[in-house]
Amino acid sequence: MVLQGRETLLVLSGSARLQVNDELPRDLRPGTIVTLPRGARTRWVVDDAFSELWIYS
């Protein structure tokens, strides 16, 4: 997936692993805030309980 705009997310529950572009994957847990730049390529692995709040700008 290639992002069309800048996106910020707050992890509400569950866990995930996120890779942005060619960076090392990062683990996401409740309370984690991540800002992704426009044009970033992302790859996600999430558990069944994962939920997040997104802010698009």
PDB file of N, CA and C in Angstrom:
ATOM      1  N   MET A   1       0.842  -1.177   0.000  1.00  0.00           N
ATOM      2  CA  MET A   1       0.000   0.000   0.000  1.00  0.00           C
ATOM      3  C   MET A   1       0.888   1.241   0.000  1.00  0.00           C
ATOM      4  N   VAL A   2       0.583   2.214  -0.849  1.00  0.00           N
ATOM      5  CA  VAL A   2       1.297   3.494  -0.877  1.00  0.00           C
ATOM      6  C   VAL A   2       0.345   4.575  -0.375  1.00  0.00           C
ATOM      7  N   LEU A   3       0.781   5.312   0.633  1.00  0.00           N
ATOM      8  CA  LEU A   3      -0.086   6.310   1.261  1.00  0.00           C
ATOM      9  C   LEU A   3      -0.268   7.530   0.375  1.00  0.00           C
ATOM     10  N   GLN A   4      -1.496   8.014   0.307  1.00  0.00           N
ATOM     11  CA  GLN A   4      -1.840   9.168  -0.516  1.00  0.00           C
ATOM     12  C   GLN A   4      -1.672  10.493   0.222  1.00  0.00           C
ATOM     13  N   GLY A   5      -1.535  10.445   1.525  1.00  0.00           N
ATOM     14  CA  GLY A   5      -1.358  11.642   2.338  1.00  0.00           C
ATOM     15  C   GLY A   5      -0.647  11.273   3.620  1.00  0.00           C
ATOM     16  N   ARG A   6      -0.318  12.273   4.423  1.00  0.00           N
ATOM     17  CA  ARG A   6       0.298  12.013   5.724  1.00  0.00           C
ATOM     18  C   ARG A   6      -0.746  11.419   6.647  1.00  0.00           C
ATOM     19  N   GLU A   7      -0.373  10.378   7.381  1.00  0.00           N
ATOM     20  CA  GLU A   7      -1.308   9.697   8.271  1.00  0.00           C
ATOM     21  C   GLU A   7      -0.656   9.500   9.632  1.00  0.00           C
ATOM     22  N   THR A   8      -1.440   9.713  10.685  1.00  0.00           N
ATOM     23  CA  THR A   8      -0.991   9.468  12.052  1.00  0.00           C
ATOM     24  C   THR A   8      -1.975   8.505  12.686  1.00  0.00           C
ATOM     25  N   LEU A   9      -1.443   7.533  13.440  1.00  0.00           N
ATOM     26  CA  LEU A   9      -2.333   6.576  14.088  1.00  0.00           C
ATOM     27  C   LEU A   9      -1.960   6.397  15.539  1.00  0.00           C
ATOM     28  N   LEU A  10      -2.971   6.097  16.334  1.00  0.00           N
ATOM     29  CA  LEU A  10      -2.825   5.762  17.748  1.00  0.00           C
ATOM     30  C   LEU A  10      -3.358   4.354  17.921  1.00  0.00           C
ATOM     31  N   VAL A  11      -2.533   3.459  18.440  1.00  0.00           N
ATOM     32  CA  VAL A  11      -2.963   2.083  18.677  1.00  0.00           C
ATOM     33  C   VAL A  11      -3.830   2.048  19.934  1.00  0.00           C
ATOM     34  N   LEU A  12      -5.043   1.534  19.798  1.00  0.00           N
ATOM     35  CA  LEU A  12      -5.989   1.469  20.918  1.00  0.00           C
ATOM     36  C   LEU A  12      -5.936   0.132  21.636  1.00  0.00           C
ATOM     37  N   SER A  13      -5.822  -0.967  20.882  1.00  0.00           N
ATOM     38  CA  SER A  13      -5.784  -2.295  21.499  1.00  0.00           C
ATOM     39  C   SER A  13      -5.079  -3.272  20.570  1.00  0.00           C
ATOM     40  N   GLY A  14      -4.687  -4.396  21.153  1.00  0.00           N
ATOM     41  CA  GLY A  14      -4.040  -5.437  20.373  1.00  0.00           C
ATOM     42  C   GLY A  14      -2.590  -5.106  20.073  1.00  0.00           C
ATOM     43  N   SER A  15      -2.056  -5.807  19.098  1.00  0.00           N
ATOM     44  CA  SER A  15      -0.665  -5.580  18.708  1.00  0.00           C
ATOM     45  C   SER A  15      -0.519  -5.754  17.203  1.00  0.00           C
ATOM     46  N   ALA A  16       0.561  -5.184  16.683  1.00  0.00           N
ATOM     47  CA  ALA A  16       0.829  -5.278  15.255  1.00  0.00           C
ATOM     48  C   ALA A  16       2.317  -5.126  15.028  1.00  0.00           C
ATOM     49  N   ARG A  17       2.729  -5.456  13.833  1.00  0.00           N
ATOM     50  CA  ARG A  17       4.099  -5.207  13.372  1.00  0.00           C
ATOM     51  C   ARG A  17       3.947  -4.410  12.082  1.00  0.00           C
ATOM     52  N   LEU A  18       4.646  -3.291  12.001  1.00  0.00           N
ATOM     53  CA  LEU A  18       4.545  -2.387  10.862  1.00  0.00           C
ATOM     54  C   LEU A  18       5.922  -2.170  10.258  1.00  0.00           C
ATOM     55  N   GLN A  19       6.019  -2.355   8.945  1.00  0.00           N
ATOM     56  CA  GLN A  19       7.237  -2.020   8.223  1.00  0.00           C
ATOM     57  C   GLN A  19       6.918  -0.853   7.292  1.00  0.00           C
ATOM     58  N   VAL A  20       7.738   0.198   7.348  1.00  0.00           N
ATOM     59  CA  VAL A  20       7.567   1.380   6.511  1.00  0.00           C
ATOM     60  C   VAL A  20       8.756   1.462   5.558  1.00  0.00           C
ATOM     61  N   ASN A  21       8.459   1.491   4.255  1.00  0.00           N
ATOM     62  CA  ASN A  21       9.494   1.509   3.228  1.00  0.00           C
ATOM     63  C   ASN A  21      10.461   0.359   3.485  1.00  0.00           C
ATOM     64  N   ASP A  22      11.748   0.620   3.519  1.00  0.00           N
ATOM     65  CA  ASP A  22      12.737  -0.440   3.734  1.00  0.00           C
ATOM     66  C   ASP A  22      13.291  -0.449   5.151  1.00  0.00           C
ATOM     67  N   GLU A  23      12.635   0.264   6.070  1.00  0.00           N
ATOM     68  CA  GLU A  23      13.081   0.304   7.466  1.00  0.00           C
ATOM     69  C   GLU A  23      12.821  -1.040   8.142  1.00  0.00           C
ATOM     70  N   LEU A  24      13.463  -1.252   9.279  1.00  0.00           N
ATOM     71  CA  LEU A  24      13.185  -2.445  10.066  1.00  0.00           C
ATOM     72  C   LEU A  24      11.756  -2.379  10.592  1.00  0.00           C
ATOM     73  N   PRO A  25      11.049  -3.517  10.665  1.00  0.00           N
ATOM     74  CA  PRO A  25       9.689  -3.515  11.217  1.00  0.00           C
ATOM     75  C   PRO A  25       9.701  -3.056  12.669  1.00  0.00           C
ATOM     76  N   ARG A  26       8.611  -2.402  13.079  1.00  0.00           N
ATOM     77  CA  ARG A  26       8.473  -1.985  14.469  1.00  0.00           C
ATOM     78  C   ARG A  26       7.225  -2.610  15.069  1.00  0.00           C
ATOM     79  N   ASP A  27       7.301  -2.934  16.347  1.00  0.00           N
ATOM     80  CA  ASP A  27       6.164  -3.505  17.062  1.00  0.00           C
ATOM     81  C   ASP A  27       5.290  -2.384  17.585  1.00  0.00           C
ATOM     82  N   LEU A  28       3.985  -2.529  17.415  1.00  0.00           N
ATOM     83  CA  LEU A  28       3.018  -1.540  17.875  1.00  0.00           C
ATOM     84  C   LEU A  28       2.169  -2.143  18.976  1.00  0.00           C
ATOM     85  N   ARG A  29       1.992  -1.405  20.044  1.00  0.00           N
ATOM     86  CA  ARG A  29       1.192  -1.811  21.205  1.00  0.00           C
ATOM     87  C   ARG A  29       0.264  -0.662  21.575  1.00  0.00           C
ATOM     88  N   PRO A  30      -0.737  -0.908  22.433  1.00  0.00           N
ATOM     89  CA  PRO A  30      -1.626   0.179  22.850  1.00  0.00           C
ATOM     90  C   PRO A  30      -0.846   1.381  23.381  1.00  0.00           C
ATOM     91  N   GLY A  31      -1.243   2.563  22.924  1.00  0.00           N
ATOM     92  CA  GLY A  31      -0.593   3.801  23.327  1.00  0.00           C
ATOM     93  C   GLY A  31       0.467   4.279  22.349  1.00  0.00           C
ATOM     94  N   THR A  32       0.889   3.422  21.417  1.00  0.00           N
ATOM     95  CA  THR A  32       1.892   3.815  20.428  1.00  0.00           C
ATOM     96  C   THR A  32       1.277   4.786  19.426  1.00  0.00           C
ATOM     97  N   ILE A  33       2.008   5.856  19.117  1.00  0.00           N
ATOM     98  CA  ILE A  33       1.606   6.820  18.091  1.00  0.00           C
ATOM     99  C   ILE A  33       2.648   6.753  16.976  1.00  0.00           C
ATOM    100  N   VAL A  34       2.169   6.664  15.739  1.00  0.00           N
ATOM    101  CA  VAL A  34       3.056   6.587  14.577  1.00  0.00           C
ATOM    102  C   VAL A  34       2.565   7.596  13.540  1.00  0.00           C
ATOM    103  N   THR A  35       3.487   8.360  12.959  1.00  0.00           N
ATOM    104  CA  THR A  35       3.169   9.247  11.845  1.00  0.00           C
ATOM    105  C   THR A  35       3.854   8.712  10.600  1.00  0.00           C
ATOM    106  N   LEU A  36       3.064   8.540   9.543  1.00  0.00           N
ATOM    107  CA  LEU A  36       3.563   7.991   8.287  1.00  0.00           C
ATOM    108  C   LEU A  36       3.512   9.075   7.222  1.00  0.00           C
ATOM    109  N   PRO A  37       4.615   9.289   6.502  1.00  0.00           N
ATOM    110  CA  PRO A  37       4.632  10.344   5.490  1.00  0.00           C
ATOM    111  C   PRO A  37       3.905   9.941   4.217  1.00  0.00           C
ATOM    112  N   ARG A  38       3.442  10.932   3.492  1.00  0.00           N
ATOM    113  CA  ARG A  38       2.829  10.691   2.180  1.00  0.00           C
ATOM    114  C   ARG A  38       3.816   9.928   1.301  1.00  0.00           C
ATOM    115  N   GLY A  39       3.321   8.963   0.565  1.00  0.00           N
ATOM    116  CA  GLY A  39       4.149   8.187  -0.339  1.00  0.00           C
ATOM    117  C   GLY A  39       4.815   6.986   0.296  1.00  0.00           C
ATOM    118  N   ALA A  40       4.681   6.830   1.623  1.00  0.00           N
ATOM    119  CA  ALA A  40       5.301   5.687   2.298  1.00  0.00           C
ATOM    120  C   ALA A  40       4.644   4.385   1.828  1.00  0.00           C
ATOM    121  N   ARG A  41       5.462   3.361   1.740  1.00  0.00           N
ATOM    122  CA  ARG A  41       4.958   2.011   1.460  1.00  0.00           C
ATOM    123  C   ARG A  41       4.928   1.273   2.789  1.00  0.00           C
ATOM    124  N   THR A  42       3.802   0.643   3.096  1.00  0.00           N
ATOM    125  CA  THR A  42       3.666  -0.030   4.392  1.00  0.00           C
ATOM    126  C   THR A  42       3.306  -1.497   4.216  1.00  0.00           C
ATOM    127  N   ARG A  43       3.728  -2.269   5.208  1.00  0.00           N
ATOM    128  CA  ARG A  43       3.360  -3.682   5.282  1.00  0.00           C
ATOM    129  C   ARG A  43       2.979  -3.961   6.730  1.00  0.00           C
ATOM    130  N   TRP A  44       1.792  -4.545   6.915  1.00  0.00           N
ATOM    131  CA  TRP A  44       1.222  -4.767   8.245  1.00  0.00           C
ATOM    132  C   TRP A  44       1.046  -6.250   8.535  1.00  0.00           C
ATOM    133  N   VAL A  45       1.248  -6.619   9.815  1.00  0.00           N
ATOM    134  CA  VAL A  45       0.827  -7.906  10.368  1.00  0.00           C
ATOM    135  C   VAL A  45       0.145  -7.562  11.681  1.00  0.00           C
ATOM    136  N   VAL A  46      -1.162  -7.883  11.801  1.00  0.00           N
ATOM    137  CA  VAL A  46      -1.926  -7.496  12.986  1.00  0.00           C
ATOM    138  C   VAL A  46      -2.596  -8.709  13.608  1.00  0.00           C
ATOM    139  N   ASP A  47      -2.874  -8.615  14.930  1.00  0.00           N
ATOM    140  CA  ASP A  47      -3.643  -9.678  15.576  1.00  0.00           C
ATOM    141  C   ASP A  47      -5.132  -9.345  15.517  1.00  0.00           C
ATOM    142  N   ASP A  48      -5.960 -10.292  15.924  1.00  0.00           N
ATOM    143  CA  ASP A  48      -7.419 -10.130  15.830  1.00  0.00           C
ATOM    144  C   ASP A  48      -7.954  -8.987  16.689  1.00  0.00           C
ATOM    145  N   ALA A  49      -7.254  -8.644  17.768  1.00  0.00           N
ATOM    146  CA  ALA A  49      -7.738  -7.611  18.684  1.00  0.00           C
ATOM    147  C   ALA A  49      -7.247  -6.214  18.313  1.00  0.00           C
ATOM    148  N   PHE A  50      -6.508  -6.084  17.203  1.00  0.00           N
ATOM    149  CA  PHE A  50      -5.903  -4.792  16.854  1.00  0.00           C
ATOM    150  C   PHE A  50      -6.958  -3.781  16.440  1.00  0.00           C
ATOM    151  N   SER A  51      -6.898  -2.593  17.052  1.00  0.00           N
ATOM    152  CA  SER A  51      -7.734  -1.468  16.628  1.00  0.00           C
ATOM    153  C   SER A  51      -6.922  -0.192  16.799  1.00  0.00           C
ATOM    154  N   GLU A  52      -7.239   0.802  15.953  1.00  0.00           N
ATOM    155  CA  GLU A  52      -6.471   2.036  15.951  1.00  0.00           C
ATOM    156  C   GLU A  52      -7.364   3.206  15.587  1.00  0.00           C
ATOM    157  N   LEU A  53      -6.871   4.392  15.911  1.00  0.00           N
ATOM    158  CA  LEU A  53      -7.520   5.652  15.551  1.00  0.00           C
ATOM    159  C   LEU A  53      -6.613   6.338  14.547  1.00  0.00           C
ATOM    160  N   TRP A  54      -7.153   6.723  13.392  1.00  0.00           N
ATOM    161  CA  TRP A  54      -6.375   7.354  12.324  1.00  0.00           C
ATOM    162  C   TRP A  54      -6.703   8.829  12.202  1.00  0.00           C
ATOM    163  N   ILE A  55      -5.676   9.648  11.931  1.00  0.00           N
ATOM    164  CA  ILE A  55      -5.843  11.051  11.615  1.00  0.00           C
ATOM    165  C   ILE A  55      -5.160  11.276  10.274  1.00  0.00           C
ATOM    166  N   TYR A  56      -5.908  11.760   9.300  1.00  0.00           N
ATOM    167  CA  TYR A  56      -5.394  11.997   7.956  1.00  0.00           C
ATOM    168  C   TYR A  56      -5.173  13.493   7.763  1.00  0.00           C
ATOM    169  N   SER A  57      -4.016  13.834   7.206  1.00  0.00           N
ATOM    170  CA  SER A  57      -3.746  15.255   6.955  1.00  0.00           C
ATOM    171  C   SER A  57      -3.015  15.421   5.636  1.00  0.00           C
TER     172      SER A  57
END
